[in-house]
N, C-alpha and C. Protein backbone atom coordinates (compact mmCIF):
# COMPACT_ATOMS: atom_id res chain seq x y z
N MET A 1 102.23 120.70 101.50
CA MET A 1 102.82 119.57 100.82
C MET A 1 103.68 118.80 101.82
N GLN A 2 103.32 117.55 102.10
CA GLN A 2 104.02 116.71 103.06
C GLN A 2 105.38 116.28 102.51
N GLN A 3 106.43 116.55 103.28
CA GLN A 3 107.77 116.08 102.93
C GLN A 3 107.97 114.68 103.50
N CYS A 4 108.71 113.86 102.76
CA CYS A 4 108.99 112.48 103.18
C CYS A 4 110.47 112.21 103.07
N LEU A 5 110.92 111.27 103.90
CA LEU A 5 112.27 110.77 103.80
C LEU A 5 112.18 109.41 103.13
N LEU A 6 112.77 109.29 101.94
CA LEU A 6 112.83 108.02 101.24
C LEU A 6 114.21 107.43 101.48
N VAL A 7 114.23 106.22 102.01
CA VAL A 7 115.47 105.52 102.32
C VAL A 7 115.52 104.26 101.46
N LEU A 8 116.62 104.11 100.72
CA LEU A 8 116.85 102.91 99.91
C LEU A 8 118.09 102.21 100.45
N ILE A 9 118.00 100.90 100.65
CA ILE A 9 119.13 100.12 101.14
C ILE A 9 119.45 99.05 100.11
N VAL A 10 120.72 99.04 99.66
CA VAL A 10 121.13 98.14 98.59
C VAL A 10 122.47 97.49 98.92
N THR A 11 122.78 96.44 98.19
CA THR A 11 124.09 95.80 98.30
C THR A 11 125.08 96.59 97.44
N PRO A 12 126.36 96.47 97.73
CA PRO A 12 127.37 97.20 96.96
C PRO A 12 127.37 96.88 95.46
N THR A 13 126.81 95.75 95.07
CA THR A 13 126.83 95.37 93.65
C THR A 13 126.08 96.34 92.75
N ILE A 14 125.10 97.07 93.29
CA ILE A 14 124.35 98.01 92.46
C ILE A 14 124.57 99.46 92.86
N GLU A 15 125.57 99.71 93.70
CA GLU A 15 125.83 101.06 94.19
C GLU A 15 125.99 102.07 93.06
N ASN A 16 126.91 101.83 92.15
CA ASN A 16 127.17 102.80 91.08
C ASN A 16 125.99 102.96 90.15
N GLU A 17 125.31 101.87 89.86
CA GLU A 17 124.12 101.94 89.00
C GLU A 17 123.04 102.79 89.65
N LEU A 18 122.85 102.61 90.96
CA LEU A 18 121.83 103.40 91.66
C LEU A 18 122.22 104.87 91.72
N ILE A 19 123.49 105.16 91.98
CA ILE A 19 123.94 106.56 92.02
C ILE A 19 123.67 107.23 90.67
N ASP A 20 124.05 106.57 89.58
CA ASP A 20 123.80 107.13 88.25
C ASP A 20 122.31 107.34 88.01
N TRP A 21 121.51 106.37 88.42
CA TRP A 21 120.05 106.43 88.24
C TRP A 21 119.48 107.63 89.00
N ILE A 22 119.90 107.80 90.25
CA ILE A 22 119.41 108.93 91.05
C ILE A 22 119.83 110.26 90.43
N LEU A 23 121.10 110.35 90.03
CA LEU A 23 121.60 111.61 89.46
C LEU A 23 120.90 111.98 88.15
N ASP A 24 120.38 110.99 87.44
CA ASP A 24 119.67 111.25 86.18
C ASP A 24 118.24 111.73 86.40
N ARG A 25 117.72 111.59 87.61
CA ARG A 25 116.34 111.96 87.88
C ARG A 25 116.24 113.45 88.20
N GLU A 26 115.34 114.14 87.52
CA GLU A 26 115.14 115.57 87.74
C GLU A 26 114.34 115.86 89.02
N ASP A 27 113.62 114.84 89.54
CA ASP A 27 112.80 115.07 90.73
C ASP A 27 113.57 114.86 92.03
N ILE A 28 114.88 114.56 91.94
CA ILE A 28 115.72 114.41 93.13
C ILE A 28 116.82 115.47 93.05
N SER A 29 116.79 116.43 93.97
CA SER A 29 117.77 117.51 93.91
C SER A 29 119.05 117.18 94.67
N GLY A 30 119.02 116.19 95.50
CA GLY A 30 120.19 115.79 96.26
C GLY A 30 119.87 114.58 97.12
N PHE A 31 120.92 113.93 97.60
CA PHE A 31 120.74 112.75 98.44
C PHE A 31 122.00 112.53 99.25
N SER A 32 121.87 111.70 100.26
CA SER A 32 123.01 111.29 101.08
C SER A 32 123.17 109.79 100.94
N SER A 33 124.41 109.33 101.05
CA SER A 33 124.65 107.89 101.04
C SER A 33 125.67 107.54 102.11
N LEU A 34 125.53 106.38 102.67
CA LEU A 34 126.47 105.93 103.67
C LEU A 34 126.57 104.41 103.67
N VAL A 35 127.72 103.91 104.09
CA VAL A 35 127.94 102.48 104.21
C VAL A 35 127.38 102.04 105.56
N ILE A 36 126.61 100.96 105.55
CA ILE A 36 126.02 100.43 106.77
C ILE A 36 126.26 98.93 106.84
N SER A 37 125.97 98.35 107.97
CA SER A 37 126.01 96.90 108.14
C SER A 37 124.58 96.41 108.30
N GLY A 38 124.21 95.44 107.47
CA GLY A 38 122.88 94.84 107.58
C GLY A 38 122.96 93.60 108.46
N HIS A 39 122.01 93.48 109.36
CA HIS A 39 121.94 92.32 110.26
C HIS A 39 120.58 91.66 110.07
N GLY A 40 120.53 90.37 110.29
CA GLY A 40 119.27 89.66 110.18
C GLY A 40 118.94 89.25 108.76
N VAL A 41 119.93 89.33 107.87
CA VAL A 41 119.74 88.91 106.48
C VAL A 41 119.71 87.39 106.44
N SER A 42 118.91 86.81 105.56
CA SER A 42 118.85 85.36 105.43
C SER A 42 120.24 84.79 105.20
N ALA A 43 120.55 83.71 105.88
CA ALA A 43 121.88 83.10 105.81
C ALA A 43 122.27 82.73 104.38
N HIS A 44 121.31 82.32 103.56
CA HIS A 44 121.64 81.94 102.18
C HIS A 44 122.08 83.13 101.33
N ALA A 45 121.79 84.34 101.79
CA ALA A 45 122.17 85.54 101.04
C ALA A 45 123.54 86.07 101.45
N LEU A 46 124.16 85.42 102.44
CA LEU A 46 125.45 85.88 102.97
C LEU A 46 126.59 85.01 102.48
N THR A 47 127.76 85.63 102.32
CA THR A 47 128.97 84.85 102.06
C THR A 47 129.37 84.17 103.36
N ALA A 48 130.32 83.24 103.28
CA ALA A 48 130.79 82.56 104.49
C ALA A 48 131.36 83.56 105.49
N ALA A 49 132.14 84.54 105.00
CA ALA A 49 132.73 85.55 105.88
C ALA A 49 131.63 86.39 106.55
N GLU A 50 130.58 86.73 105.80
CA GLU A 50 129.48 87.52 106.36
C GLU A 50 128.72 86.71 107.41
N GLN A 51 128.58 85.41 107.18
CA GLN A 51 127.91 84.56 108.16
C GLN A 51 128.69 84.53 109.47
N VAL A 52 130.01 84.43 109.38
CA VAL A 52 130.85 84.42 110.59
C VAL A 52 130.76 85.76 111.30
N ALA A 53 130.82 86.86 110.52
CA ALA A 53 130.76 88.20 111.11
C ALA A 53 129.36 88.56 111.61
N GLY A 54 128.34 87.93 111.05
CA GLY A 54 126.97 88.23 111.45
C GLY A 54 126.44 89.52 110.86
N LYS A 55 127.05 89.97 109.78
CA LYS A 55 126.59 91.21 109.15
C LYS A 55 126.96 91.21 107.67
N GLN A 56 126.24 92.06 106.93
CA GLN A 56 126.48 92.20 105.50
C GLN A 56 126.67 93.68 105.19
N LYS A 57 127.70 94.00 104.39
CA LYS A 57 127.92 95.38 103.97
C LYS A 57 126.79 95.79 103.04
N GLN A 58 126.20 96.94 103.33
CA GLN A 58 125.13 97.50 102.51
C GLN A 58 125.33 99.00 102.40
N LEU A 59 124.55 99.62 101.53
CA LEU A 59 124.59 101.07 101.38
C LEU A 59 123.19 101.63 101.59
N MET A 60 123.14 102.77 102.26
CA MET A 60 121.87 103.44 102.52
C MET A 60 121.88 104.78 101.78
N PHE A 61 120.83 105.02 101.02
CA PHE A 61 120.63 106.28 100.32
C PHE A 61 119.41 106.95 100.93
N GLN A 62 119.54 108.25 101.25
CA GLN A 62 118.45 108.99 101.86
C GLN A 62 118.19 110.24 101.05
N MET A 63 116.91 110.52 100.84
CA MET A 63 116.53 111.73 100.11
C MET A 63 115.24 112.30 100.69
N LEU A 64 115.20 113.62 100.86
CA LEU A 64 114.04 114.33 101.36
C LEU A 64 113.28 114.87 100.16
N LEU A 65 112.03 114.44 100.02
CA LEU A 65 111.23 114.77 98.84
C LEU A 65 109.79 115.05 99.23
N PRO A 66 109.06 115.79 98.40
CA PRO A 66 107.62 115.86 98.58
C PRO A 66 107.04 114.44 98.44
N GLU A 67 105.97 114.15 99.16
CA GLU A 67 105.43 112.79 99.17
C GLU A 67 105.14 112.25 97.77
N ALA A 68 104.53 113.03 96.92
CA ALA A 68 104.19 112.56 95.57
C ALA A 68 105.45 112.18 94.79
N ALA A 69 106.49 113.00 94.89
CA ALA A 69 107.75 112.71 94.20
C ALA A 69 108.40 111.46 94.78
N ALA A 70 108.35 111.32 96.11
CA ALA A 70 108.94 110.14 96.75
C ALA A 70 108.24 108.87 96.28
N ARG A 71 106.93 108.91 96.16
CA ARG A 71 106.19 107.73 95.68
C ARG A 71 106.52 107.44 94.21
N ASP A 72 106.70 108.48 93.40
CA ASP A 72 107.09 108.29 92.00
C ASP A 72 108.49 107.67 91.90
N VAL A 73 109.41 108.17 92.71
CA VAL A 73 110.77 107.63 92.71
C VAL A 73 110.74 106.16 93.15
N LEU A 74 109.98 105.87 94.17
CA LEU A 74 109.89 104.50 94.66
C LEU A 74 109.30 103.57 93.60
N ALA A 75 108.25 104.00 92.93
CA ALA A 75 107.64 103.17 91.87
C ALA A 75 108.63 102.94 90.73
N ALA A 76 109.38 103.97 90.35
CA ALA A 76 110.37 103.82 89.29
C ALA A 76 111.51 102.91 89.72
N ALA A 77 111.93 103.02 90.98
CA ALA A 77 113.00 102.15 91.49
C ALA A 77 112.55 100.70 91.51
N GLN A 78 111.29 100.46 91.83
CA GLN A 78 110.79 99.09 91.85
C GLN A 78 110.83 98.47 90.45
N GLN A 79 110.64 99.28 89.43
CA GLN A 79 110.74 98.78 88.06
C GLN A 79 112.19 98.65 87.62
N SER A 80 113.00 99.65 87.88
CA SER A 80 114.38 99.67 87.40
C SER A 80 115.28 98.68 88.14
N PHE A 81 114.96 98.37 89.38
CA PHE A 81 115.83 97.51 90.19
C PHE A 81 115.11 96.25 90.67
N SER A 82 114.14 95.81 89.89
CA SER A 82 113.42 94.58 90.20
C SER A 82 114.40 93.43 90.36
N GLY A 83 114.25 92.65 91.41
CA GLY A 83 115.11 91.50 91.64
C GLY A 83 116.41 91.82 92.35
N SER A 84 116.65 93.09 92.68
CA SER A 84 117.91 93.49 93.30
C SER A 84 117.94 93.24 94.80
N GLY A 85 116.79 93.02 95.41
CA GLY A 85 116.74 92.86 96.86
C GLY A 85 116.77 94.18 97.61
N MET A 86 116.54 95.27 96.88
CA MET A 86 116.54 96.60 97.50
C MET A 86 115.46 96.66 98.59
N HIS A 87 115.82 97.25 99.72
CA HIS A 87 114.85 97.52 100.79
C HIS A 87 114.57 99.01 100.79
N TYR A 88 113.41 99.40 101.28
CA TYR A 88 113.10 100.83 101.33
C TYR A 88 112.24 101.15 102.54
N TRP A 89 112.30 102.39 102.94
CA TRP A 89 111.40 102.98 103.93
C TRP A 89 110.94 104.31 103.36
N LEU A 90 109.69 104.61 103.56
CA LEU A 90 109.14 105.92 103.22
C LEU A 90 108.51 106.47 104.50
N LEU A 91 109.11 107.53 105.01
CA LEU A 91 108.72 108.07 106.31
C LEU A 91 108.30 109.53 106.19
N PRO A 92 107.29 109.95 106.94
CA PRO A 92 106.96 111.37 106.94
C PRO A 92 108.08 112.15 107.64
N ALA A 93 108.38 113.31 107.13
CA ALA A 93 109.40 114.19 107.72
C ALA A 93 108.70 115.36 108.39
N LEU A 94 108.99 115.60 109.64
CA LEU A 94 108.36 116.70 110.36
C LEU A 94 108.88 118.05 109.90
N ALA A 95 110.16 118.10 109.54
CA ALA A 95 110.75 119.36 109.08
C ALA A 95 112.04 119.05 108.36
N GLY A 96 112.46 119.99 107.55
CA GLY A 96 113.73 119.84 106.83
C GLY A 96 114.09 121.17 106.17
N GLY A 97 115.33 121.40 105.98
CA GLY A 97 115.76 122.64 105.35
C GLY A 97 117.22 122.89 105.60
N HIS A 98 117.63 124.13 105.44
CA HIS A 98 119.02 124.53 105.66
C HIS A 98 119.07 125.52 106.81
N ILE A 99 120.12 125.42 107.60
CA ILE A 99 120.38 126.40 108.64
C ILE A 99 121.36 127.40 108.05
N GLU A 100 120.94 128.62 107.86
CA GLU A 100 121.79 129.65 107.23
C GLU A 100 122.48 130.48 108.29
């Protein structure tokens, strides 16, 4: 069973909604989130301060899942967060686990 890294990148406006949505899903046992800076965003999507700074505050959510589950989560996110501007990456993971 191929493991994948699903990465979701969102604006802070939907952070709490996405966290609740992920926590409600039984097919996601855990995830990581971090604050990042997005660069190269269309100027019309930036505030004046973000245009001057050249970056936009965003959040990145990462989860390691079996490929089928990752595709299901992605399909559900596309429906639940349509129009949000969410970006995603789905990458194969060579290995993952816990160091005991």
